[in-house]
Amino acid sequence: MKIAVYRKEHFNAAHRLNNPKWSEEKNDEVFGKCNNPNWHGHNYELVVKLIGEPDPDTGYVYDMKELSDLIKKHVLVRFDHKNLNLDTEEFRELNPTAENIAVVIYNILRPKIDERLDMKVTLYETERNYVEYPA
């Protein structure tokens, strides 16, 4: 019997979507307001989903306090109230789209969680725009 458990966290971050290989005109055309050279920000909602068999002794798929602590230590401390382009190593060369942020978060957390558990990361950039990785 597999069960899915979810932990939801929140962080705020600024970013600029920009491809340095392109002209400013093309960046403006593709990314619009998200290419603002003075940055813009989001109130991100992060959902980490773990799927697995409950432990017969605890009844847990995963201890949710542990999951919360893991996300805070390895994701929130790194990204909350940061300019993703300027303040993080992960996005110095990688365009901080919601898609790329979700993949980076997944890659940070995946090695820290038992490989027997399936994992998905859902990242809400706005209430209506969100991504999930892996799809």
Protein backbone atom coordinates (compact mmCIF):
# COMPACT_ATOMS: atom_id res chain seq x y z
CA MET A 1 0.00 0.00 0.00
CA LYS A 2 1.72 3.16 -1.20
CA ILE A 3 0.77 6.50 0.29
CA ALA A 4 1.75 10.03 -0.75
CA VAL A 5 2.72 12.60 1.87
CA TYR A 6 3.22 16.28 1.15
CA ARG A 7 5.13 19.09 2.84
CA LYS A 8 4.37 22.67 1.80
CA GLU A 9 6.85 25.47 2.43
CA HIS A 10 7.05 29.10 1.37
CA PHE A 11 9.88 31.37 0.28
CA ASN A 12 10.30 34.77 -1.34
CA ALA A 13 12.91 35.47 -3.97
CA ALA A 14 13.76 37.93 -6.71
CA HIS A 15 15.08 37.05 -10.14
CA ARG A 16 15.48 38.18 -13.70
CA LEU A 17 14.81 35.95 -16.68
CA ASN A 18 17.50 36.69 -19.23
CA ASN A 19 19.59 34.84 -21.77
CA PRO A 20 22.97 36.60 -21.99
CA LYS A 21 23.52 35.14 -25.48
CA TRP A 22 20.57 37.15 -26.78
CA SER A 23 20.10 40.85 -27.49
CA GLU A 24 18.10 42.94 -25.03
CA GLU A 25 15.39 43.17 -27.70
CA LYS A 26 15.06 39.39 -27.96
CA ASN A 27 15.13 39.01 -24.15
CA ASP A 28 12.35 41.61 -23.90
CA GLU A 29 10.38 39.83 -26.61
CA VAL A 30 10.68 36.38 -24.99
CA PHE A 31 10.63 37.21 -21.27
CA GLY A 32 8.71 40.53 -21.21
CA LYS A 33 8.36 42.04 -17.73
CA CYS A 34 10.30 39.09 -16.29
CA ASN A 35 13.40 40.49 -18.00
CA ASN A 36 13.29 43.69 -15.91
CA PRO A 37 16.97 44.65 -15.30
CA ASN A 38 15.94 45.82 -11.81
CA TRP A 39 14.55 42.35 -10.97
CA HIS A 40 11.13 41.24 -9.84
CA GLY A 41 10.01 38.82 -7.15
CA HIS A 42 7.65 36.02 -6.28
CA ASN A 43 6.13 34.48 -3.20
CA TYR A 44 6.91 30.88 -4.06
CA GLU A 45 4.98 27.94 -2.65
CA LEU A 46 6.99 24.73 -2.63
CA VAL A 47 5.37 21.31 -2.24
CA VAL A 48 7.53 18.23 -1.78
CA LYS A 49 5.67 14.96 -2.35
CA LEU A 50 7.04 11.63 -1.13
CA ILE A 51 5.43 8.32 -2.09
CA GLY A 52 6.11 5.04 -0.37
CA GLU A 53 5.05 2.31 2.00
CA PRO A 54 4.35 3.34 5.59
CA ASP A 55 6.89 2.08 8.11
CA PRO A 56 5.29 -0.79 10.07
CA ASP A 57 6.61 0.56 13.41
CA THR A 58 5.81 4.27 13.04
CA GLY A 59 3.07 4.31 10.43
CA TYR A 60 5.01 7.10 8.68
CA VAL A 61 5.99 7.19 5.03
CA TYR A 62 8.42 9.89 6.17
CA ASP A 63 8.64 11.93 9.35
CA MET A 64 7.12 15.28 8.33
CA LYS A 65 9.13 17.22 10.91
CA GLU A 66 12.30 15.75 9.41
CA LEU A 67 11.11 16.68 5.92
CA SER A 68 10.32 20.23 7.03
CA ASP A 69 13.75 20.56 8.66
CA LEU A 70 15.45 19.19 5.54
CA ILE A 71 13.67 21.66 3.26
CA LYS A 72 14.41 24.58 5.57
CA LYS A 73 18.10 23.69 5.94
CA HIS A 74 18.85 22.93 2.29
CA VAL A 75 16.35 25.04 0.31
CA LEU A 76 14.87 27.89 2.32
CA VAL A 77 18.13 29.05 3.89
CA ARG A 78 19.67 29.00 0.41
CA PHE A 79 16.89 30.78 -1.54
CA ASP A 80 14.53 32.68 0.80
CA HIS A 81 14.78 36.47 0.50
CA LYS A 82 17.58 36.14 -2.05
CA ASN A 83 18.15 37.46 -5.52
CA LEU A 84 18.48 34.12 -7.27
CA ASN A 85 20.66 35.53 -10.07
CA LEU A 86 23.11 37.31 -7.76
CA ASP A 87 23.02 35.58 -4.38
CA THR A 88 23.07 31.88 -5.31
CA GLU A 89 25.64 29.71 -7.03
CA GLU A 90 22.91 27.57 -8.62
CA PHE A 91 21.60 30.40 -10.80
CA ARG A 92 24.72 32.37 -11.67
CA GLU A 93 24.77 30.65 -15.07
CA LEU A 94 21.29 29.05 -15.09
CA ASN A 95 18.21 31.10 -15.96
CA PRO A 96 16.02 30.97 -12.81
CA THR A 97 12.76 29.98 -14.47
CA ALA A 98 10.23 28.12 -12.33
CA GLU A 99 11.18 24.98 -14.26
CA ASN A 100 14.88 25.35 -13.46
CA ILE A 101 14.21 26.25 -9.83
CA ALA A 102 12.10 23.10 -9.38
CA VAL A 103 14.81 20.90 -10.90
CA VAL A 104 17.50 22.49 -8.72
CA ILE A 105 15.41 21.96 -5.58
CA TYR A 106 14.74 18.35 -6.56
CA ASN A 107 18.45 17.74 -7.15
CA ILE A 108 19.31 19.28 -3.77
CA LEU A 109 16.79 17.16 -1.84
CA ARG A 110 16.83 13.86 -3.75
CA PRO A 111 20.16 12.54 -2.37
CA LYS A 112 19.02 13.33 1.18
CA ILE A 113 15.83 11.22 1.03
CA ASP A 114 15.68 7.42 1.01
CA GLU A 115 15.81 6.23 -2.60
CA ARG A 116 12.96 3.78 -1.90
CA LEU A 117 10.64 6.77 -1.81
CA ASP A 118 9.42 8.38 -5.01
CA MET A 119 9.67 12.15 -4.91
CA LYS A 120 8.13 15.08 -6.78
CA VAL A 121 8.63 18.81 -6.40
CA THR A 122 5.83 21.22 -7.24
CA LEU A 123 6.71 24.90 -7.31
CA TYR A 124 4.05 27.61 -7.48
CA GLU A 125 5.45 30.83 -8.89
CA THR A 126 2.00 32.40 -8.72
CA GLU A 127 -1.37 31.05 -7.69
CA ARG A 128 -2.06 30.11 -11.32
CA ASN A 129 1.42 29.25 -12.61
CA TYR A 130 3.24 26.22 -11.28
CA VAL A 131 5.56 23.46 -12.39
CA GLU A 132 6.16 19.88 -11.29
CA TYR A 133 9.36 17.85 -11.52
CA PRO A 134 9.72 15.12 -12.49
CA ALA A 135 6.67 15.31 -14.76
